[in-house]
Amino acid sequence: MFYWLVTVASLALLIVGFYVYNYYDKRSTATKTLERIRNKWGRPVNARRNFKLIAAYLNADDNAAKLTSVIAEDLDLNNIFNFIDRTNSKPGKQYLYKKLFTPETDFESLLKFDKKVEAFNMPRPDLERFELELAKLNSADAYYIADLFLQKHELSMIAPLRLFIRISGIAIIGLAVSLFVIPNVICFAALLLLVAGNIALHYGAKNKISPYTRSLPQLLILNGVAKKLLKKISFEGDDQVKESINKLSGLTRALKLVSFESKLADNPENLSYALFRFAKVLFLLEPLMYITSIKRVNKYSDDIEVIYKYVAEIDGLIAIMSIRSGLPYYSKPVFFTDNKQMDLKEMYHPLIYNCVPNSIHTRSEEGVLITGSNMSGKTTFIRSIAINTLLAQTIYTTCTKEYKAPILKIQTSIRTTDDLGDNKSYFQAEALSILDIINQSSGDEPIKSLIIIDEIFRGTNTIERIAAAKSVLNYLTENKNFVYVSTHDLELAELLDNDYAVYSFEETVHDTRLVFDYKMKTGVLKNKNGIAILETIGYPESVVEDANIVSEELRRKYVL
């Protein structure tokens, strides 16, 4: 009798100890999370990001407006995302990533979106409370919530295996109790065999069902976060969210075991969660969750998506407020409907620290030709135009003092490379890239294009490069697109005549160094710093003199 009392008392103390430990652990976790939230406000978050999981929500969408991988690479969009990602949850990351890659073409939708962003223009303590709720979904497992509605899940286990999974946990408990009461070698061997079989089955099924089972505790956290946000935040369409939460209550009641795990999953590093993970392996809890919930999850997939989008969007909206707060300055875009002009004032590249701002004004019937030497800033400038156009049509925020332009479709050709696998030369790959731009920028396109081309046709000889470039660039502006091209070919400026405005980025020579001011000037590049550098670093005098003579002849010939 005494032995039983000691055992019961020990178990009771153990349970109380775990509750006390979890209580203080959660308080400590909340304090650390709040400190992290405060430290990152208005600042880029330097962290490793799993872009494969972040992009899962985007990749499941077949929206025709989605940017191609070529454009994404040309604009270095993953690093742009690293800069703007101030989210607190994994669904928020997935939402914001998809937002960045899917520029909006409807002006009214952008206005409604900005109205939602401005709803979070509130005192920081209020925002921090929302962010603390959202941070409950910061576990890597929360990436898999989207899988619950992005695909239908099939029950792949045969009936005998499903029966074994249902009874194996009860069998282990029964054998353990029987050994406690009457030690028995046969029961002990059966227990060891059952435990070994469960461990093997757990890890054997893990790869197949892990994304599904990992998401279920996060689904319940998502549901709880949505309920709390709904009490404080009101948007159009909230009735649908409330309805979906009510429908999902049937599923949450059926996942009582998962509900217990979701309470521990706020901090997957604590001791209780580690012990629960051990229990999951021992009693096949993950396969059990899989076979008992899969039909219900499929049934409520639409409601899961509604709640996911609601919570993820709120996280993205708060992140945009943080972006705006941290920029040196920003402006909201003004979109022209009939006026075919583009006016960007004091524009800068968000990834370049202390970036020198530049302004540009152009019309759709007049392209822009940018000349300049390597590293002078011309490629950064044209890339900045595309990035700010994208930011304008996604997060309604631009790195400018003024952004005025029509709604545009972004087309780029910047980082073309050889494709040896398809036996394509550099020039052929570039020609195909620009042909794709031509095909998507014809005169009958309802939305005109912003076209960014760096060093057009650099992969072929000078005469054919200039001839082909002149013809292509004229074609693009004749179809009323906004065209920005960087080039070393000064002859293009003369050939394009009045169809293109010409600007340049220049540098000066100090000792043996080139000094760039990164300010754009009107007209063709006029300096002769390339030859001056040859002289300062010790090239033979005859080489420098001959180069200067030829340079002057070419400048007179092309009126440069």
Protein backbone atom coordinates (compact mmCIF):
# COMPACT_ATOMS: atom_id res chain seq x y z
CA MET A 1 0.00 0.00 0.00
CA PHE A 2 2.76 2.38 0.96
CA TYR A 3 4.54 1.55 -2.29
CA TRP A 4 1.46 2.54 -4.30
CA LEU A 5 1.05 5.80 -2.37
CA VAL A 6 4.68 6.73 -3.03
CA THR A 7 4.25 5.92 -6.71
CA VAL A 8 1.06 8.02 -7.04
CA ALA A 9 2.60 10.91 -5.10
CA SER A 10 5.70 10.82 -7.31
CA LEU A 11 3.59 10.89 -10.47
CA ALA A 12 1.53 13.78 -9.08
CA LEU A 13 4.67 15.75 -8.25
CA LEU A 14 6.05 15.01 -11.68
CA ILE A 15 2.89 16.28 -13.35
CA VAL A 16 2.82 19.42 -11.19
CA GLY A 17 6.49 19.97 -11.90
CA PHE A 18 5.88 19.80 -15.65
CA TYR A 19 3.01 22.30 -15.42
CA VAL A 20 5.14 24.72 -13.39
CA TYR A 21 8.05 24.25 -15.79
CA ASN A 22 5.83 24.86 -18.83
CA TYR A 23 4.29 27.96 -17.25
CA TYR A 24 7.63 29.66 -16.61
CA ASP A 25 9.06 28.40 -19.89
CA LYS A 26 6.18 30.00 -21.80
CA ARG A 27 6.64 33.28 -19.94
CA SER A 28 10.35 33.25 -20.73
CA THR A 29 9.65 32.43 -24.37
CA ALA A 30 7.11 35.27 -24.65
CA THR A 31 9.62 37.73 -23.17
CA LYS A 32 12.31 36.69 -25.65
CA THR A 33 9.84 36.82 -28.54
CA LEU A 34 8.71 40.33 -27.58
CA GLU A 35 12.33 41.48 -27.42
CA ARG A 36 12.96 40.03 -30.89
CA ILE A 37 9.83 41.73 -32.25
CA ARG A 38 10.92 45.10 -30.88
CA ASN A 39 14.49 44.76 -32.17
CA LYS A 40 13.45 43.98 -35.74
CA TRP A 41 10.88 46.73 -36.20
CA GLY A 42 11.85 48.92 -39.15
CA ARG A 43 14.94 46.81 -39.88
CA PRO A 44 15.79 43.98 -42.27
CA VAL A 45 15.99 40.63 -40.48
CA ASN A 46 19.28 38.85 -41.06
CA ALA A 47 18.28 35.18 -41.01
CA ARG A 48 18.58 32.03 -43.09
CA ARG A 49 15.39 31.40 -45.05
CA ASN A 50 14.17 28.13 -46.52
CA PHE A 51 13.04 29.40 -49.91
CA LYS A 52 11.84 25.97 -50.99
CA LEU A 53 9.22 25.98 -48.22
CA ILE A 54 8.53 29.72 -48.48
CA ALA A 55 7.84 29.39 -52.21
CA ALA A 56 5.46 26.42 -51.84
CA TYR A 57 2.39 28.67 -51.62
CA LEU A 58 3.51 30.69 -54.65
CA ASN A 59 4.41 27.65 -56.75
CA ALA A 60 0.96 26.14 -56.30
CA ASP A 61 -0.59 29.19 -57.97
CA ASP A 62 -0.94 29.21 -61.76
CA ASN A 63 -1.67 32.95 -61.98
CA ALA A 64 -0.53 34.28 -65.37
CA ALA A 65 0.65 37.51 -63.71
CA LYS A 66 3.28 35.64 -61.69
CA LEU A 67 6.83 36.71 -62.50
CA THR A 68 9.00 34.20 -64.34
CA SER A 69 12.13 32.74 -62.76
CA VAL A 70 14.20 34.71 -65.31
CA ILE A 71 12.76 38.05 -64.17
CA ALA A 72 13.11 37.00 -60.53
CA GLU A 73 16.80 36.28 -61.06
CA ASP A 74 17.34 39.47 -63.08
CA LEU A 75 15.91 41.56 -60.24
CA ASP A 76 17.50 39.47 -57.46
CA LEU A 77 14.07 39.00 -55.90
CA ASN A 78 15.13 36.56 -53.19
CA ASN A 79 17.40 39.23 -51.75
CA ILE A 80 14.64 41.82 -52.15
CA PHE A 81 12.44 39.47 -50.14
CA ASN A 82 15.18 39.12 -47.51
CA PHE A 83 15.03 42.89 -47.17
CA ILE A 84 11.25 43.28 -46.93
CA ASP A 85 10.54 40.16 -44.86
CA ARG A 86 9.63 41.50 -41.42
CA THR A 87 6.94 38.87 -40.83
CA ASN A 88 6.45 36.98 -37.57
CA SER A 89 4.95 33.74 -38.88
CA LYS A 90 5.76 31.18 -41.54
CA PRO A 91 2.36 31.62 -43.29
CA GLY A 92 3.10 35.35 -43.31
CA LYS A 93 6.40 34.69 -45.09
CA GLN A 94 4.67 32.54 -47.70
CA TYR A 95 2.00 35.19 -48.23
CA LEU A 96 4.48 38.06 -48.60
CA TYR A 97 6.69 36.05 -50.94
CA LYS A 98 3.74 35.29 -53.19
CA LYS A 99 2.72 38.96 -53.02
CA LEU A 100 6.17 40.06 -54.18
CA PHE A 101 6.11 37.69 -57.16
CA THR A 102 2.57 38.56 -58.29
CA PRO A 103 2.27 42.23 -59.31
CA GLU A 104 -1.27 43.55 -59.29
CA THR A 105 -2.76 44.96 -62.49
CA ASP A 106 -5.97 46.30 -60.96
CA PHE A 107 -5.70 49.79 -59.49
CA GLU A 108 -8.76 49.43 -57.23
CA SER A 109 -7.34 46.26 -55.67
CA LEU A 110 -4.13 48.11 -54.82
CA LEU A 111 -6.08 50.93 -53.15
CA LYS A 112 -8.03 48.43 -51.04
CA PHE A 113 -4.79 46.72 -50.10
CA ASP A 114 -3.21 49.98 -48.97
CA LYS A 115 -6.29 50.74 -46.89
CA LYS A 116 -5.68 47.45 -45.07
CA VAL A 117 -2.02 48.34 -44.53
CA GLU A 118 -2.98 51.72 -43.06
CA ALA A 119 -5.34 49.99 -40.63
CA PHE A 120 -2.16 48.95 -38.78
CA ASN A 121 -0.85 52.50 -38.47
CA MET A 122 -1.30 52.35 -34.71
CA PRO A 123 0.83 52.67 -31.56
CA ARG A 124 3.59 50.08 -31.30
CA PRO A 125 2.28 48.42 -28.10
CA ASP A 126 -0.95 47.54 -29.91
CA LEU A 127 0.93 46.15 -32.90
CA GLU A 128 3.25 44.18 -30.64
CA ARG A 129 0.27 42.31 -29.19
CA PHE A 130 -0.74 41.23 -32.69
CA GLU A 131 2.83 40.28 -33.53
CA LEU A 132 3.11 38.15 -30.38
CA GLU A 133 0.04 36.20 -31.49
CA LEU A 134 1.41 35.77 -35.00
CA ALA A 135 4.78 34.62 -33.63
CA LYS A 136 3.06 31.48 -32.32
CA LEU A 137 3.19 30.32 -35.95
CA ASN A 138 6.93 30.80 -36.31
CA SER A 139 7.78 27.08 -36.11
CA ALA A 140 9.12 25.57 -39.33
CA ASP A 141 6.21 23.11 -39.15
CA ALA A 142 3.84 26.00 -39.88
CA TYR A 143 5.14 26.08 -43.47
CA TYR A 144 3.17 22.87 -44.05
CA ILE A 145 -0.26 24.32 -43.16
CA ALA A 146 -0.68 25.37 -46.79
CA ASP A 147 -0.29 21.74 -47.88
CA LEU A 148 -3.56 20.96 -46.10
CA PHE A 149 -5.54 22.94 -48.69
CA LEU A 150 -3.19 23.00 -51.67
CA GLN A 151 -3.67 19.28 -52.29
CA LYS A 152 -6.08 16.46 -51.53
CA HIS A 153 -4.58 13.85 -49.22
CA GLU A 154 -5.02 10.16 -49.97
CA LEU A 155 -5.11 7.48 -47.27
CA SER A 156 -2.37 5.16 -48.50
CA MET A 157 -2.16 2.61 -45.67
CA ILE A 158 -3.83 -0.81 -45.96
CA ALA A 159 -6.59 -1.83 -43.50
CA PRO A 160 -4.52 -4.30 -41.38
CA LEU A 161 -1.81 -1.70 -40.89
CA ARG A 162 -4.38 0.92 -39.87
CA LEU A 163 -5.80 -1.52 -37.32
CA PHE A 164 -2.33 -2.20 -35.90
CA ILE A 165 -1.68 1.54 -35.54
CA ARG A 166 -4.95 1.98 -33.63
CA ILE A 167 -4.29 -0.82 -31.09
CA SER A 168 -0.49 -0.82 -30.71
CA GLY A 169 -0.44 2.01 -28.17
CA ILE A 170 -3.08 0.28 -26.02
CA ALA A 171 -1.10 -2.97 -26.28
CA ILE A 172 2.11 -1.29 -25.07
CA ILE A 173 0.33 0.22 -22.08
CA GLY A 174 -1.33 -3.13 -21.29
CA LEU A 175 1.95 -5.02 -21.44
CA ALA A 176 3.73 -2.40 -19.32
CA VAL A 177 1.02 -2.58 -16.64
CA SER A 178 1.07 -6.38 -16.63
CA LEU A 179 4.86 -6.35 -16.17
CA PHE A 180 4.47 -3.89 -13.32
CA VAL A 181 1.98 -6.16 -11.59
CA ILE A 182 3.45 -9.58 -12.46
CA PRO A 183 6.92 -9.61 -14.09
CA ASN A 184 6.92 -12.03 -17.01
CA VAL A 185 9.65 -12.83 -19.55
CA ILE A 186 7.17 -13.47 -22.37
CA CYS A 187 5.38 -10.15 -21.76
CA PHE A 188 8.73 -8.36 -21.59
CA ALA A 189 9.86 -9.86 -24.92
CA ALA A 190 6.50 -9.01 -26.50
CA LEU A 191 6.81 -5.45 -25.20
CA LEU A 192 10.31 -5.05 -26.64
CA LEU A 193 9.18 -6.49 -29.96
CA LEU A 194 6.18 -4.15 -30.09
CA VAL A 195 8.24 -1.09 -29.20
CA ALA A 196 10.84 -1.98 -31.85
CA GLY A 197 8.10 -2.50 -34.42
CA ASN A 198 6.48 0.85 -33.58
CA ILE A 199 9.79 2.69 -33.87
CA ALA A 200 10.45 1.06 -37.25
CA LEU A 201 6.94 1.88 -38.47
CA HIS A 202 7.17 5.47 -37.23
CA TYR A 203 10.35 6.22 -39.15
CA GLY A 204 9.28 4.11 -42.13
CA ALA A 205 6.11 6.18 -42.58
CA LYS A 206 7.68 9.49 -41.56
CA ASN A 207 8.79 10.76 -44.99
CA LYS A 208 5.39 10.07 -46.52
CA ILE A 209 3.18 11.55 -43.82
CA SER A 210 5.49 13.99 -42.04
CA PRO A 211 4.40 17.20 -43.87
CA TYR A 212 0.79 16.31 -43.07
CA THR A 213 1.25 15.35 -39.42
CA ARG A 214 3.62 18.24 -38.72
CA SER A 215 0.99 20.70 -39.93
CA LEU A 216 -1.90 19.51 -37.73
CA PRO A 217 -0.70 21.04 -34.42
CA GLN A 218 0.06 24.23 -36.35
CA LEU A 219 -3.44 24.19 -37.82
CA LEU A 220 -4.91 24.35 -34.33
CA ILE A 221 -2.54 27.17 -33.41
CA LEU A 222 -3.59 28.97 -36.60
CA ASN A 223 -7.23 28.57 -35.62
CA GLY A 224 -6.56 29.98 -32.16
CA VAL A 225 -4.56 32.93 -33.52
CA ALA A 226 -7.34 33.74 -36.00
CA LYS A 227 -9.95 33.78 -33.21
CA LYS A 228 -7.91 36.25 -31.17
CA LEU A 229 -7.15 38.51 -34.15
CA LEU A 230 -10.83 38.61 -35.13
CA LYS A 231 -11.68 40.14 -31.76
CA LYS A 232 -9.39 43.12 -32.44
CA ILE A 233 -9.18 43.52 -36.24
CA SER A 234 -12.08 44.10 -38.61
CA PHE A 235 -11.84 43.72 -42.39
CA GLU A 236 -14.24 43.18 -45.24
CA GLY A 237 -14.90 39.44 -45.54
CA ASP A 238 -14.55 38.74 -41.81
CA ASP A 239 -17.93 36.98 -41.78
CA GLN A 240 -16.47 34.31 -44.04
CA VAL A 241 -13.52 33.88 -41.67
CA LYS A 242 -15.86 33.52 -38.68
CA GLU A 243 -17.92 30.97 -40.57
CA SER A 244 -14.82 28.95 -41.47
CA ILE A 245 -13.63 29.00 -37.85
CA ASN A 246 -17.00 27.71 -36.71
CA LYS A 247 -16.91 24.93 -39.30
CA LEU A 248 -13.40 23.99 -38.27
CA SER A 249 -14.49 23.50 -34.66
CA GLY A 250 -15.71 20.02 -35.63
CA LEU A 251 -12.25 19.13 -36.84
CA THR A 252 -10.50 20.60 -33.80
CA ARG A 253 -12.65 18.53 -31.44
CA ALA A 254 -11.63 15.42 -33.34
CA LEU A 255 -7.96 16.29 -32.86
CA LYS A 256 -7.75 16.31 -29.08
CA LEU A 257 -4.36 14.64 -29.12
CA VAL A 258 -3.11 17.18 -31.64
CA SER A 259 -4.57 19.93 -29.47
CA PHE A 260 -2.30 18.84 -26.64
CA GLU A 261 0.72 18.97 -28.94
CA SER A 262 -0.25 22.40 -30.29
CA LYS A 263 -0.03 23.80 -26.75
CA LEU A 264 3.53 22.53 -26.50
CA ALA A 265 4.51 23.55 -30.04
CA ASP A 266 4.79 27.24 -29.12
CA ASN A 267 8.28 26.37 -27.95
CA PRO A 268 9.56 23.15 -29.57
CA GLU A 269 12.80 23.41 -27.59
CA ASN A 270 11.34 22.84 -24.13
CA LEU A 271 11.60 19.57 -22.21
CA SER A 272 7.89 18.74 -22.32
CA TYR A 273 7.82 18.93 -26.09
CA ALA A 274 10.89 16.67 -26.30
CA LEU A 275 9.19 14.08 -24.09
CA PHE A 276 6.02 14.31 -26.14
CA ARG A 277 7.99 13.69 -29.32
CA PHE A 278 9.38 10.55 -27.71
CA ALA A 279 5.82 9.45 -26.89
CA LYS A 280 4.83 10.11 -30.53
CA VAL A 281 7.44 7.62 -31.70
CA LEU A 282 6.63 5.03 -29.03
CA PHE A 283 2.85 5.04 -29.49
CA LEU A 284 2.70 5.78 -33.26
CA LEU A 285 0.85 9.01 -32.59
CA GLU A 286 1.74 10.56 -35.97
CA PRO A 287 0.40 7.64 -38.06
CA LEU A 288 -2.63 7.60 -35.73
CA MET A 289 -3.26 11.30 -36.39
CA TYR A 290 -2.85 10.62 -40.10
CA ILE A 291 -5.41 7.81 -40.40
CA THR A 292 -8.00 9.40 -38.06
CA SER A 293 -8.01 12.96 -39.45
CA ILE A 294 -7.26 12.83 -43.17
CA LYS A 295 -10.88 12.63 -44.35
CA ARG A 296 -11.92 15.51 -42.09
CA VAL A 297 -9.03 17.70 -43.25
CA ASN A 298 -9.98 17.11 -46.90
CA LYS A 299 -13.57 18.03 -46.02
CA TYR A 300 -12.57 21.34 -44.42
CA SER A 301 -9.72 22.29 -46.80
CA ASP A 302 -11.54 25.37 -48.13
CA ASP A 303 -12.13 26.66 -44.61
CA ILE A 304 -8.50 26.04 -43.69
CA GLU A 305 -7.47 28.16 -46.70
CA VAL A 306 -9.77 31.02 -45.66
CA ILE A 307 -8.29 31.12 -42.16
CA TYR A 308 -4.73 30.73 -43.47
CA LYS A 309 -5.12 33.68 -45.85
CA TYR A 310 -6.67 35.85 -43.13
CA VAL A 311 -3.84 35.32 -40.65
CA ALA A 312 -1.04 35.35 -43.24
CA GLU A 313 -2.27 38.60 -44.79
CA ILE A 314 -2.38 40.36 -41.43
CA ASP A 315 1.23 39.33 -40.82
CA GLY A 316 2.17 40.65 -44.27
CA LEU A 317 0.34 43.95 -43.69
CA ILE A 318 2.19 44.57 -40.42
CA ALA A 319 5.47 43.72 -42.17
CA ILE A 320 4.76 46.40 -44.79
CA MET A 321 4.22 48.97 -42.05
CA SER A 322 7.63 47.95 -40.68
CA ILE A 323 9.19 48.36 -44.14
CA ARG A 324 7.76 51.86 -44.52
CA SER A 325 8.91 52.77 -41.03
CA GLY A 326 12.50 51.74 -41.75
CA LEU A 327 13.06 53.24 -45.22
CA PRO A 328 14.98 56.55 -45.50
CA TYR A 329 11.89 57.81 -47.33
CA TYR A 330 9.15 56.27 -49.42
CA SER A 331 6.13 57.23 -51.46
CA LYS A 332 2.89 55.56 -52.41
CA PRO A 333 2.51 55.19 -56.18
CA VAL A 334 0.23 57.34 -58.30
CA PHE A 335 -1.07 55.35 -61.27
CA PHE A 336 -1.97 57.03 -64.55
CA THR A 337 -4.86 55.61 -66.56
CA ASP A 338 -4.54 57.62 -69.78
CA ASN A 339 -1.34 59.59 -69.28
CA LYS A 340 1.47 57.49 -70.80
CA GLN A 341 4.29 58.97 -68.74
CA MET A 342 6.64 57.73 -66.09
CA ASP A 343 7.93 60.13 -63.47
CA LEU A 344 10.28 58.84 -60.75
CA LYS A 345 11.80 61.36 -58.36
CA GLU A 346 14.76 60.68 -56.06
CA MET A 347 14.59 56.95 -56.72
CA TYR A 348 17.01 54.57 -54.97
CA HIS A 349 17.74 50.85 -54.80
CA PRO A 350 16.53 49.41 -51.46
CA LEU A 351 19.43 46.94 -51.12
CA ILE A 352 22.21 49.50 -51.56
CA TYR A 353 23.27 51.27 -48.37
CA ASN A 354 23.34 55.06 -48.81
CA CYS A 355 22.30 54.61 -52.42
CA VAL A 356 22.65 57.81 -54.48
CA PRO A 357 19.12 58.73 -55.66
CA ASN A 358 18.34 59.67 -59.26
CA SER A 359 15.26 60.97 -61.05
CA ILE A 360 13.87 60.23 -64.50
CA HIS A 361 10.92 61.45 -66.55
CA THR A 362 9.96 59.74 -69.77
CA ARG A 363 7.06 58.98 -72.11
CA SER A 364 5.99 55.67 -73.61
CA GLU A 365 6.85 56.80 -77.14
CA GLU A 366 10.39 57.74 -76.09
CA GLY A 367 12.80 55.12 -74.79
CA VAL A 368 15.76 55.74 -72.50
CA LEU A 369 19.33 54.83 -73.39
CA ILE A 370 21.82 54.75 -70.51
CA THR A 371 25.54 54.90 -71.28
CA GLY A 372 28.48 54.59 -68.94
CA SER A 373 31.48 52.48 -68.04
CA ASN A 374 31.39 49.33 -65.93
CA MET A 375 30.54 49.90 -62.24
CA SER A 376 29.32 53.43 -62.96
CA GLY A 377 25.76 52.63 -61.85
CA LYS A 378 23.82 52.25 -65.09
CA THR A 379 22.70 48.64 -64.51
CA THR A 380 21.77 49.39 -60.90
CA PHE A 381 19.71 52.35 -62.11
CA ILE A 382 17.63 50.42 -64.65
CA ARG A 383 17.21 47.52 -62.21
CA SER A 384 15.98 50.03 -59.59
CA ILE A 385 13.27 51.18 -61.99
CA ALA A 386 11.98 47.62 -62.36
CA ILE A 387 12.20 46.92 -58.62
CA ASN A 388 10.29 50.07 -57.71
CA THR A 389 7.66 49.31 -60.34
CA LEU A 390 7.28 45.87 -58.78
CA LEU A 391 7.06 47.27 -55.23
CA ALA A 392 4.49 49.80 -56.41
CA GLN A 393 2.26 47.07 -57.81
CA THR A 394 2.72 44.62 -54.92
CA ILE A 395 3.17 46.32 -51.53
CA TYR A 396 2.06 49.81 -52.70
CA THR A 397 5.34 51.28 -51.46
CA THR A 398 8.19 52.70 -53.52
CA CYS A 399 11.74 53.79 -52.72
CA THR A 400 11.16 57.21 -54.25
CA LYS A 401 9.96 60.65 -53.25
CA GLU A 402 7.42 60.45 -56.04
CA TYR A 403 6.33 57.57 -58.28
CA LYS A 404 3.91 58.23 -61.13
CA ALA A 405 3.35 55.70 -63.91
CA PRO A 406 0.70 53.53 -65.54
CA ILE A 407 0.12 49.95 -64.41
CA LEU A 408 2.83 48.02 -66.23
CA LYS A 409 3.93 44.48 -67.04
CA ILE A 410 7.61 43.93 -66.16
CA GLN A 411 9.94 42.44 -68.79
CA THR A 412 13.71 42.06 -68.29
CA SER A 413 16.85 40.80 -70.00
CA ILE A 414 19.79 41.31 -67.66
CA ARG A 415 21.55 38.09 -66.65
CA THR A 416 21.48 36.07 -69.85
CA THR A 417 23.97 33.20 -69.92
CA ASP A 418 25.06 30.41 -72.26
CA ASP A 419 22.93 27.27 -72.11
CA LEU A 420 25.40 24.51 -72.92
CA GLY A 421 22.85 21.82 -72.11
CA ASP A 422 20.62 23.04 -74.96
CA ASN A 423 23.60 23.92 -77.17
CA LYS A 424 22.69 27.62 -77.15
CA SER A 425 25.34 30.30 -77.57
CA TYR A 426 25.26 33.43 -75.45
CA PHE A 427 23.87 35.46 -78.36
CA GLN A 428 21.22 32.87 -79.16
CA ALA A 429 20.09 32.75 -75.53
CA GLU A 430 19.92 36.55 -75.41
CA ALA A 431 18.10 36.73 -78.76
CA LEU A 432 15.48 34.27 -77.48
CA SER A 433 15.09 36.27 -74.28
CA ILE A 434 14.47 39.50 -76.20
CA LEU A 435 12.15 37.72 -78.65
CA ASP A 436 10.03 36.69 -75.68
CA ILE A 437 9.89 40.35 -74.62
CA ILE A 438 8.84 41.37 -78.15
CA ASN A 439 6.10 38.73 -78.24
CA GLN A 440 4.65 39.97 -74.94
CA SER A 441 4.92 43.67 -75.75
CA SER A 442 3.05 44.06 -79.01
CA GLY A 443 0.72 46.93 -79.81
CA ASP A 444 -2.47 45.04 -78.93
CA GLU A 445 -1.40 44.14 -75.37
CA PRO A 446 -3.95 45.68 -72.93
CA ILE A 447 -1.21 46.38 -70.36
CA LYS A 448 1.96 47.97 -71.67
CA SER A 449 5.37 46.75 -70.58
CA LEU A 450 8.23 48.17 -68.61
CA ILE A 451 11.21 46.73 -70.50
CA ILE A 452 14.66 46.61 -68.91
CA ILE A 453 17.58 45.44 -71.06
CA ASP A 454 21.20 45.45 -69.94
CA GLU A 455 23.83 45.59 -72.72
CA ILE A 456 21.57 44.54 -75.58
CA PHE A 457 23.00 41.88 -77.94
CA ARG A 458 26.43 41.95 -76.32
CA GLY A 459 27.07 38.41 -77.58
CA THR A 460 27.69 39.24 -81.25
CA ASN A 461 29.94 41.51 -83.37
CA THR A 462 29.71 45.29 -83.19
CA ILE A 463 28.03 46.03 -86.54
CA GLU A 464 25.32 43.39 -86.23
CA ARG A 465 24.81 44.15 -82.54
CA ILE A 466 24.16 47.84 -83.21
CA ALA A 467 21.97 47.17 -86.26
CA ALA A 468 19.84 44.57 -84.45
CA ALA A 469 19.62 46.67 -81.29
CA LYS A 470 18.46 49.75 -83.21
CA SER A 471 15.67 47.80 -84.95
CA VAL A 472 14.46 46.05 -81.78
CA LEU A 473 14.49 49.19 -79.65
CA ASN A 474 12.54 51.16 -82.25
CA TYR A 475 9.97 48.37 -82.45
CA LEU A 476 9.47 48.34 -78.68
CA THR A 477 8.85 52.09 -78.40
CA GLU A 478 6.61 52.14 -81.47
CA ASN A 479 4.31 49.83 -79.50
CA LYS A 480 4.16 52.38 -76.64
CA ASN A 481 6.20 50.46 -74.08
CA PHE A 482 8.50 52.03 -71.51
CA VAL A 483 12.00 50.92 -72.52
CA TYR A 484 15.21 51.40 -70.53
CA VAL A 485 18.43 50.08 -72.03
CA SER A 486 22.02 50.25 -70.82
CA THR A 487 24.78 50.07 -73.40
CA HIS A 488 28.44 50.70 -74.16
CA ASP A 489 27.58 51.31 -77.82
CA LEU A 490 27.63 55.08 -78.17
CA GLU A 491 26.73 54.74 -81.86
CA LEU A 492 23.22 53.70 -80.83
CA ALA A 493 22.57 57.19 -79.50
CA GLU A 494 23.00 58.67 -82.97
CA LEU A 495 21.08 55.93 -84.78
CA LEU A 496 18.09 56.09 -82.45
CA ASP A 497 17.96 59.87 -82.86
CA ASN A 498 14.81 61.38 -81.34
CA ASP A 499 13.23 58.05 -80.43
CA TYR A 500 15.39 57.68 -77.32
CA ALA A 501 16.51 60.10 -74.64
CA VAL A 502 20.17 59.53 -73.79
CA TYR A 503 21.70 59.69 -70.32
CA SER A 504 25.05 58.71 -68.89
CA PHE A 505 26.85 57.77 -65.69
CA GLU A 506 30.39 59.10 -65.55
CA GLU A 507 33.44 58.90 -63.32
CA THR A 508 36.62 60.84 -62.64
CA VAL A 509 40.22 59.68 -62.26
CA HIS A 510 42.11 60.22 -59.01
CA ASP A 511 45.65 58.86 -59.14
CA THR A 512 45.11 55.32 -60.42
CA ARG A 513 41.54 55.05 -59.14
CA LEU A 514 38.17 55.60 -60.76
CA VAL A 515 35.83 57.65 -58.56
CA PHE A 516 32.09 57.31 -59.25
CA ASP A 517 29.46 59.80 -58.15
CA TYR A 518 26.55 57.60 -59.40
CA LYS A 519 24.61 60.68 -60.56
CA MET A 520 22.92 60.44 -63.93
CA LYS A 521 23.70 63.16 -66.49
CA THR A 522 21.90 64.16 -69.65
CA GLY A 523 23.58 63.14 -72.90
CA VAL A 524 26.13 60.59 -74.08
CA LEU A 525 29.11 59.56 -71.97
CA LYS A 526 31.76 62.19 -72.70
CA ASN A 527 34.77 61.34 -70.57
CA LYS A 528 37.93 59.55 -71.67
CA ASN A 529 38.76 58.01 -68.34
CA GLY A 530 39.42 54.55 -69.74
CA ILE A 531 42.49 55.75 -71.60
CA ALA A 532 43.49 57.98 -68.69
CA ILE A 533 43.58 54.93 -66.43
CA LEU A 534 45.91 53.18 -68.88
CA GLU A 535 48.28 56.11 -68.62
CA THR A 536 48.21 56.33 -64.82
CA ILE A 537 48.97 52.66 -64.28
CA GLY A 538 52.00 52.69 -66.58
CA TYR A 539 50.99 51.69 -70.12
CA PRO A 540 53.62 52.61 -72.78
CA GLU A 541 53.34 56.24 -73.91
CA SER A 542 52.97 55.20 -77.57
CA VAL A 543 49.95 53.00 -76.72
CA VAL A 544 48.25 55.80 -74.78
CA GLU A 545 48.94 58.38 -77.51
CA ASP A 546 47.63 56.10 -80.27
CA ALA A 547 44.50 55.29 -78.24
CA ASN A 548 43.78 59.02 -77.76
CA ILE A 549 44.14 59.70 -81.50
CA VAL A 550 41.74 56.89 -82.45
CA SER A 551 39.31 57.98 -79.73
CA GLU A 552 39.17 61.54 -81.07
CA GLU A 553 38.58 60.28 -84.62
CA LEU A 554 35.68 58.11 -83.46
CA ARG A 555 34.15 60.93 -81.44
CA ARG A 556 34.25 63.28 -84.46
CA LYS A 557 32.81 60.57 -86.69
CA TYR A 558 29.86 59.85 -84.41
CA VAL A 559 29.52 63.42 -83.05
CA LEU A 560 30.10 62.23 -79.49
